[in-house]
Amino acid sequence: MRKFQSGQGLVEYLIIAALIAVSAIGVYSFFGKTIRNQVAGLSAEVSGQSASGQISQASDAADSADDIADKNYNLGSYDSAANSAASSSGSGSGNSGQPVQD
């Protein structure tokens, strides 16, 4: 019996790691733009610039992801949600690097 179980732990670990990776890809396809804009806003604020552009773009991206996630998909159209989420436009540039006027 023990002979057949020698690689079972590794196989289970690989299956779990693959499921986590697929889930992360799915989440990032819906919320990737929101996350990028939030990080861009954080870096702008840390450098002393206004991040109002990034904040509004992150909000718009979150609203878009919410609209896309609210639709019904089946196995024949599961990739259309990710494609429409990834193809929505946005520059993520915020205030275009202009310094804050005090």
Protein backbone atom coordinates (compact mmCIF):
# COMPACT_ATOMS: atom_id res chain seq x y z
CA MET A 1 0.00 0.00 0.00
CA ARG A 2 2.67 2.48 0.95
CA LYS A 3 4.41 1.94 -2.37
CA PHE A 4 1.59 3.61 -4.33
CA GLN A 5 1.39 6.68 -2.08
CA SER A 6 4.96 7.91 -2.52
CA GLY A 7 4.13 10.75 -4.94
CA GLN A 8 0.62 11.52 -3.79
CA GLY A 9 1.57 14.52 -1.63
CA LEU A 10 3.42 16.21 -4.49
CA VAL A 11 0.57 15.65 -6.93
CA GLU A 12 -1.95 17.12 -4.49
CA TYR A 13 0.32 20.12 -3.93
CA LEU A 14 0.65 20.70 -7.69
CA ILE A 15 -3.11 20.48 -8.21
CA ILE A 16 -3.74 23.02 -5.45
CA ALA A 17 -1.02 25.33 -6.81
CA ALA A 18 -2.56 25.11 -10.30
CA LEU A 19 -6.03 25.96 -8.95
CA ILE A 20 -4.64 28.96 -7.08
CA ALA A 21 -2.81 30.14 -10.22
CA VAL A 22 -5.93 29.86 -12.38
CA SER A 23 -7.96 31.72 -9.76
CA ALA A 24 -5.35 34.48 -9.54
CA ILE A 25 -5.37 34.89 -13.32
CA GLY A 26 -9.15 35.18 -13.31
CA VAL A 27 -9.20 37.75 -10.52
CA TYR A 28 -6.43 39.78 -12.15
CA SER A 29 -8.27 39.79 -15.48
CA PHE A 30 -11.26 41.47 -13.80
CA PHE A 31 -9.51 43.70 -11.28
CA GLY A 32 -6.04 44.21 -12.79
CA LYS A 33 -6.70 47.74 -14.01
CA THR A 34 -8.15 48.73 -10.64
CA ILE A 35 -5.09 47.40 -8.83
CA ARG A 36 -2.67 49.10 -11.24
CA ASN A 37 -4.42 52.46 -10.87
CA GLN A 38 -4.49 52.19 -7.08
CA VAL A 39 -0.76 51.46 -6.96
CA ALA A 40 -0.11 54.32 -9.40
CA GLY A 41 -2.13 56.64 -7.16
CA LEU A 42 -0.19 55.49 -4.11
CA SER A 43 3.15 56.13 -5.81
CA ALA A 44 2.00 59.56 -6.99
CA GLU A 45 0.93 60.55 -3.47
CA VAL A 46 4.20 59.29 -1.97
CA SER A 47 6.14 61.42 -4.46
CA GLY A 48 4.11 64.51 -3.52
CA GLN A 49 1.87 64.65 -6.59
CA SER A 50 -1.90 64.60 -6.74
CA ALA A 51 -3.40 61.18 -7.38
CA SER A 52 -6.93 62.31 -8.17
CA GLY A 53 -6.64 61.02 -11.75
CA GLN A 54 -5.54 57.56 -10.67
CA ILE A 55 -8.22 57.42 -7.98
CA SER A 56 -10.99 58.22 -10.47
CA GLN A 57 -9.57 55.74 -13.00
CA ALA A 58 -9.43 53.03 -10.32
CA SER A 59 -13.07 53.75 -9.46
CA ASP A 60 -14.07 53.60 -13.14
CA ALA A 61 -12.19 50.32 -13.59
CA ALA A 62 -13.88 48.84 -10.51
CA ASP A 63 -17.30 49.87 -11.83
CA SER A 64 -16.49 48.30 -15.20
CA ALA A 65 -15.35 45.06 -13.53
CA ASP A 66 -18.55 45.00 -11.49
CA ASP A 67 -20.68 45.38 -14.62
CA ILE A 68 -18.78 42.61 -16.43
CA ALA A 69 -18.92 40.24 -13.45
CA ASP A 70 -22.69 40.75 -13.11
CA LYS A 71 -23.38 39.11 -16.49
CA ASN A 72 -24.14 35.41 -16.87
CA TYR A 73 -21.53 33.25 -18.60
CA ASN A 74 -21.41 29.57 -19.45
CA LEU A 75 -18.71 27.22 -20.70
CA GLY A 76 -19.26 28.41 -24.27
CA SER A 77 -18.65 32.08 -23.42
CA TYR A 78 -16.50 32.04 -20.27
CA ASP A 79 -13.59 33.81 -21.96
CA SER A 80 -15.68 36.71 -23.26
CA ALA A 81 -15.77 38.27 -19.78
CA ALA A 82 -12.00 38.24 -19.47
CA ASN A 83 -11.59 39.53 -23.01
CA SER A 84 -14.00 42.41 -22.47
CA ALA A 85 -12.39 43.28 -19.13
CA ALA A 86 -8.91 43.26 -20.63
CA SER A 87 -9.85 45.26 -23.72
CA SER A 88 -11.41 48.24 -21.95
CA SER A 89 -9.24 51.27 -22.55
CA GLY A 90 -7.48 53.45 -20.04
CA SER A 91 -4.08 55.05 -19.90
CA GLY A 92 -3.52 54.97 -16.15
CA SER A 93 -1.45 58.12 -16.42
CA GLY A 94 -3.45 60.19 -13.93
CA ASN A 95 -2.10 63.72 -13.78
CA SER A 96 0.53 63.15 -16.51
CA GLY A 97 3.42 63.77 -14.14
CA GLN A 98 2.53 67.39 -13.45
CA PRO A 99 3.76 68.63 -10.06
CA VAL A 100 1.30 69.72 -7.41
CA GLN A 101 0.80 73.47 -7.18
CA ASP A 102 0.86 74.61 -3.55
